[in-house]
């Protein structure tokens, strides 16, 4: 036996609540159908465009990330090269320093150039009887500079 409560069975009233479709003429129905088709076509085009924009954005992000990775790799290589060159510079500076030490220079001067150390008999002192003075000529320093620069300026003016 079916033990449903008929008091809560509202399905028999549904047919009364549904609006009855109005009978429309054939041209009106065709116009509605065309409008619905146009609406569906517009939605389809809009969806395709949205997907195309999303795909192009994803491609742009991937391209940007690849460029960043490439530039980062280049930066790492340049930094490695800088480190190597700094190491080589330090080695060359050390080598230059060791070759240019005072003992090396003195040895080169004595053995290769035939130089000898100065002894006290070679030193000669002179005495000046008047005071040290600096005398300036009557010309202005600015005039002398102008005279020196004038030929250069005339060369470039030609």
C-alpha atoms as a PDB file:
ATOM      1  CA  UNK A   1       0.000   0.000   0.000  1.00  0.00           C
ATOM      2  CA  UNK A   2       1.171   3.426  -0.815  1.00  0.00           C
ATOM      3  CA  UNK A   3       1.407   5.409   2.363  1.00  0.00           C
ATOM      4  CA  UNK A   4       1.801   8.823   0.870  1.00  0.00           C
ATOM      5  CA  UNK A   5       0.073  11.675   2.381  1.00  0.00           C
ATOM      6  CA  UNK A   6      -2.197  13.137  -0.197  1.00  0.00           C
ATOM      7  CA  UNK A   7      -2.429  16.314   1.804  1.00  0.00           C
ATOM      8  CA  UNK A   8       1.101  17.221   0.751  1.00  0.00           C
ATOM      9  CA  UNK A   9       0.819  16.148  -2.863  1.00  0.00           C
ATOM     10  CA  UNK A  10       0.922  19.460  -4.696  1.00  0.00           C
ATOM     11  CA  UNK A  11       1.625  18.003  -8.101  1.00  0.00           C
ATOM     12  CA  UNK A  12      -1.995  18.071  -9.043  1.00  0.00           C
ATOM     13  CA  UNK A  13      -2.001  21.872  -8.715  1.00  0.00           C
ATOM     14  CA  UNK A  14       1.101  22.422 -10.857  1.00  0.00           C
ATOM     15  CA  UNK A  15      -0.834  22.224 -14.068  1.00  0.00           C
ATOM     16  CA  UNK A  16      -3.073  25.006 -12.823  1.00  0.00           C
ATOM     17  CA  UNK A  17      -0.128  27.291 -11.971  1.00  0.00           C
ATOM     18  CA  UNK A  18       1.753  26.860 -15.254  1.00  0.00           C
ATOM     19  CA  UNK A  19       1.043  29.673 -17.644  1.00  0.00           C
ATOM     20  CA  UNK A  20      -0.501  28.502 -20.766  1.00  0.00           C
ATOM     21  CA  UNK A  21       1.565  29.365 -23.776  1.00  0.00           C
ATOM     22  CA  UNK A  22      -0.113  31.880 -25.915  1.00  0.00           C
ATOM     23  CA  UNK A  23      -0.589  30.917 -29.414  1.00  0.00           C
ATOM     24  CA  UNK A  24       1.638  33.134 -31.534  1.00  0.00           C
ATOM     25  CA  UNK A  25       1.581  33.580 -35.177  1.00  0.00           C
ATOM     26  CA  UNK A  26       4.219  31.876 -37.247  1.00  0.00           C
ATOM     27  CA  UNK A  27       6.178  35.074 -38.145  1.00  0.00           C
ATOM     28  CA  UNK A  28       6.400  36.032 -34.462  1.00  0.00           C
ATOM     29  CA  UNK A  29       7.690  32.588 -33.570  1.00  0.00           C
ATOM     30  CA  UNK A  30      10.252  32.776 -36.362  1.00  0.00           C
ATOM     31  CA  UNK A  31      11.384  36.211 -35.154  1.00  0.00           C
ATOM     32  CA  UNK A  32      11.842  34.865 -31.637  1.00  0.00           C
ATOM     33  CA  UNK A  33      13.763  31.894 -32.991  1.00  0.00           C
ATOM     34  CA  UNK A  34      16.056  34.196 -34.981  1.00  0.00           C
ATOM     35  CA  UNK A  35      16.621  36.372 -31.902  1.00  0.00           C
ATOM     36  CA  UNK A  36      17.475  33.298 -29.811  1.00  0.00           C
ATOM     37  CA  UNK A  37      19.871  32.063 -32.514  1.00  0.00           C
ATOM     38  CA  UNK A  38      21.511  35.496 -32.691  1.00  0.00           C
ATOM     39  CA  UNK A  39      21.844  35.572 -28.903  1.00  0.00           C
ATOM     40  CA  UNK A  40      23.423  32.112 -28.897  1.00  0.00           C
ATOM     41  CA  UNK A  41      25.807  33.098 -31.712  1.00  0.00           C
ATOM     42  CA  UNK A  42      26.811  36.259 -29.836  1.00  0.00           C
ATOM     43  CA  UNK A  43      27.448  34.263 -26.650  1.00  0.00           C
ATOM     44  CA  UNK A  44      29.525  31.757 -28.625  1.00  0.00           C
ATOM     45  CA  UNK A  45      31.616  34.502 -30.213  1.00  0.00           C
ATOM     46  CA  UNK A  46      32.043  36.150 -26.819  1.00  0.00           C
ATOM     47  CA  UNK A  47      33.175  32.855 -25.280  1.00  0.00           C
ATOM     48  CA  UNK A  48      35.673  32.253 -28.095  1.00  0.00           C
ATOM     49  CA  UNK A  49      37.084  35.758 -27.716  1.00  0.00           C
ATOM     50  CA  UNK A  50      37.376  35.315 -23.945  1.00  0.00           C
ATOM     51  CA  UNK A  51      39.250  32.048 -24.409  1.00  0.00           C
ATOM     52  CA  UNK A  52      41.533  33.665 -27.001  1.00  0.00           C
ATOM     53  CA  UNK A  53      42.366  36.529 -24.620  1.00  0.00           C
ATOM     54  CA  UNK A  54      43.058  34.094 -21.782  1.00  0.00           C
ATOM     55  CA  UNK A  55      45.306  31.933 -23.986  1.00  0.00           C
ATOM     56  CA  UNK A  56      47.222  34.983 -25.239  1.00  0.00           C
ATOM     57  CA  UNK A  57      47.736  36.156 -21.644  1.00  0.00           C
ATOM     58  CA  UNK A  58      49.091  32.742 -20.661  1.00  0.00           C
ATOM     59  CA  UNK A  59      51.420  32.764 -23.660  1.00  0.00           C
ATOM     60  CA  UNK A  60      52.588  36.266 -22.691  1.00  0.00           C
ATOM     61  CA  UNK A  61      53.337  35.179 -19.137  1.00  0.00           C
ATOM     62  CA  UNK A  62      55.260  32.122 -20.354  1.00  0.00           C
ATOM     63  CA  UNK A  63      57.267  34.248 -22.797  1.00  0.00           C
ATOM     64  CA  UNK A  64      58.054  36.818 -20.104  1.00  0.00           C
ATOM     65  CA  UNK A  65      59.203  34.098 -17.722  1.00  0.00           C
ATOM     66  CA  UNK A  66      61.444  32.595 -20.395  1.00  0.00           C
ATOM     67  CA  UNK A  67      63.001  36.009 -21.031  1.00  0.00           C
ATOM     68  CA  UNK A  68      63.598  36.495 -17.306  1.00  0.00           C
ATOM     69  CA  UNK A  69      65.248  33.077 -17.093  1.00  0.00           C
ATOM     70  CA  UNK A  70      67.466  33.825 -20.084  1.00  0.00           C
ATOM     71  CA  UNK A  71      68.558  37.187 -18.695  1.00  0.00           C
ATOM     72  CA  UNK A  72      69.207  35.667 -15.266  1.00  0.00           C
ATOM     73  CA  UNK A  73      71.433  33.038 -16.905  1.00  0.00           C
ATOM     74  CA  UNK A  74      73.325  35.760 -18.760  1.00  0.00           C
ATOM     75  CA  UNK A  75      73.788  37.717 -15.534  1.00  0.00           C
ATOM     76  CA  UNK A  76      75.143  34.616 -13.777  1.00  0.00           C
ATOM     77  CA  UNK A  77      77.628  33.999 -16.581  1.00  0.00           C
ATOM     78  CA  UNK A  78      78.821  37.608 -16.518  1.00  0.00           C
ATOM     79  CA  UNK A  79      79.200  37.526 -12.733  1.00  0.00           C
ATOM     80  CA  UNK A  80      81.244  34.326 -13.029  1.00  0.00           C
ATOM     81  CA  UNK A  81      83.428  35.979 -15.661  1.00  0.00           C
ATOM     82  CA  UNK A  82      83.861  39.033 -13.416  1.00  0.00           C
ATOM     83  CA  UNK A  83      84.979  36.798 -10.556  1.00  0.00           C
ATOM     84  CA  UNK A  84      87.482  35.022 -12.805  1.00  0.00           C
ATOM     85  CA  UNK A  85      88.846  38.318 -14.120  1.00  0.00           C
ATOM     86  CA  UNK A  86      89.184  39.747 -10.602  1.00  0.00           C
ATOM     87  CA  UNK A  87      91.125  36.632  -9.604  1.00  0.00           C
ATOM     88  CA  UNK A  88      93.379  36.991 -12.644  1.00  0.00           C
ATOM     89  CA  UNK A  89      93.910  40.690 -11.846  1.00  0.00           C
ATOM     90  CA  UNK A  90      94.910  39.850  -8.285  1.00  0.00           C
ATOM     91  CA  UNK A  91      97.395  37.260  -9.590  1.00  0.00           C
ATOM     92  CA  UNK A  92      98.845  39.721 -12.111  1.00  0.00           C
ATOM     93  CA  UNK A  93      99.096  42.460  -9.458  1.00  0.00           C
ATOM     94  CA  UNK A  94     100.966  40.059  -7.177  1.00  0.00           C
ATOM     95  CA  UNK A  95     103.287  39.038 -10.019  1.00  0.00           C
ATOM     96  CA  UNK A  96     103.941  42.675 -10.896  1.00  0.00           C
ATOM     97  CA  UNK A  97     104.596  43.519  -7.271  1.00  0.00           C
ATOM     98  CA  UNK A  98     107.046  40.671  -6.895  1.00  0.00           C
ATOM     99  CA  UNK A  99     108.879  41.691 -10.054  1.00  0.00           C
ATOM    100  CA  UNK A 100     108.976  45.310  -9.028  1.00  0.00           C
ATOM    101  CA  UNK A 101     110.212  44.909  -5.503  1.00  0.00           C
ATOM    102  CA  UNK A 102     113.024  47.230  -4.435  1.00  0.00           C
ATOM    103  CA  UNK A 103     115.574  44.415  -4.401  1.00  0.00           C
ATOM    104  CA  UNK A 104     114.607  43.353  -7.936  1.00  0.00           C
ATOM    105  CA  UNK A 105     114.928  46.921  -9.210  1.00  0.00           C
ATOM    106  CA  UNK A 106     118.266  47.402  -7.517  1.00  0.00           C
ATOM    107  CA  UNK A 107     119.550  44.089  -8.871  1.00  0.00           C
ATOM    108  CA  UNK A 108     118.451  45.037 -12.399  1.00  0.00           C
ATOM    109  CA  UNK A 109     120.087  48.461 -12.133  1.00  0.00           C
ATOM    110  CA  UNK A 110     123.394  47.050 -10.921  1.00  0.00           C
ATOM    111  CA  UNK A 111     123.680  43.905 -13.065  1.00  0.00           C
ATOM    112  CA  UNK A 112     121.938  44.890 -16.307  1.00  0.00           C
ATOM    113  CA  UNK A 113     122.383  48.653 -16.500  1.00  0.00           C
ATOM    114  CA  UNK A 114     125.797  48.748 -14.803  1.00  0.00           C
ATOM    115  CA  UNK A 115     124.794  51.362 -12.268  1.00  0.00           C
ATOM    116  CA  UNK A 116     126.570  51.734  -8.932  1.00  0.00           C
ATOM    117  CA  UNK A 117     125.443  53.123  -5.626  1.00  0.00           C
ATOM    118  CA  UNK A 118     126.384  56.700  -4.938  1.00  0.00           C
ATOM    119  CA  UNK A 119     128.978  57.230  -2.262  1.00  0.00           C
ATOM    120  CA  UNK A 120     129.477  60.289  -0.083  1.00  0.00           C
ATOM    121  CA  UNK A 121     132.331  61.626  -2.269  1.00  0.00           C
ATOM    122  CA  UNK A 122     129.906  62.101  -5.117  1.00  0.00           C
ATOM    123  CA  UNK A 123     127.596  64.339  -3.101  1.00  0.00           C
ATOM    124  CA  UNK A 124     128.215  68.032  -3.597  1.00  0.00           C
ATOM    125  CA  UNK A 125     126.349  70.708  -1.710  1.00  0.00           C
ATOM    126  CA  UNK A 126     125.963  74.255  -3.012  1.00  0.00           C
ATOM    127  CA  UNK A 127     125.192  77.391  -1.093  1.00  0.00           C
ATOM    128  CA  UNK A 128     123.114  80.263  -2.380  1.00  0.00           C
ATOM    129  CA  UNK A 129     124.063  83.680  -1.089  1.00  0.00           C
ATOM    130  CA  UNK A 130     120.797  85.433  -1.733  1.00  0.00           C
ATOM    131  CA  UNK A 131     117.379  84.578  -0.467  1.00  0.00           C
ATOM    132  CA  UNK A 132     115.021  82.485  -2.526  1.00  0.00           C
ATOM    133  CA  UNK A 133     112.579  84.683  -4.419  1.00  0.00           C
ATOM    134  CA  UNK A 134     109.865  84.178  -6.911  1.00  0.00           C
ATOM    135  CA  UNK A 135     109.351  86.982  -9.392  1.00  0.00           C
ATOM    136  CA  UNK A 136     106.377  87.297 -11.684  1.00  0.00           C
ATOM    137  CA  UNK A 137     106.515  89.015 -14.993  1.00  0.00           C
ATOM    138  CA  UNK A 138     104.195  91.896 -15.610  1.00  0.00           C
ATOM    139  CA  UNK A 139     101.817  89.765 -17.692  1.00  0.00           C
ATOM    140  CA  UNK A 140      98.618  88.407 -16.235  1.00  0.00           C
ATOM    141  CA  UNK A 141      98.278  84.622 -15.869  1.00  0.00           C
ATOM    142  CA  UNK A 142      94.915  84.713 -17.655  1.00  0.00           C
ATOM    143  CA  UNK A 143      96.546  86.374 -20.673  1.00  0.00           C
ATOM    144  CA  UNK A 144      99.208  83.654 -20.839  1.00  0.00           C
ATOM    145  CA  UNK A 145      96.577  80.934 -20.720  1.00  0.00           C
ATOM    146  CA  UNK A 146      94.597  82.674 -23.432  1.00  0.00           C
ATOM    147  CA  UNK A 147      97.725  82.905 -25.621  1.00  0.00           C
ATOM    148  CA  UNK A 148      98.349  79.168 -25.145  1.00  0.00           C
ATOM    149  CA  UNK A 149      94.755  78.169 -25.908  1.00  0.00           C
ATOM    150  CA  UNK A 150      94.216  80.534 -28.853  1.00  0.00           C
ATOM    151  CA  UNK A 151      96.017  78.375 -31.486  1.00  0.00           C
ATOM    152  CA  UNK A 152      93.974  75.341 -30.464  1.00  0.00           C
ATOM    153  CA  UNK A 153      90.712  77.247 -30.714  1.00  0.00           C
ATOM    154  CA  UNK A 154      91.631  78.681 -34.112  1.00  0.00           C
ATOM    155  CA  UNK A 155      92.493  75.171 -35.346  1.00  0.00           C
ATOM    156  CA  UNK A 156      89.043  73.860 -34.368  1.00  0.00           C
ATOM    157  CA  UNK A 157      87.298  76.948 -35.749  1.00  0.00           C
ATOM    158  CA  UNK A 158      88.503  76.184 -39.273  1.00  0.00           C
END
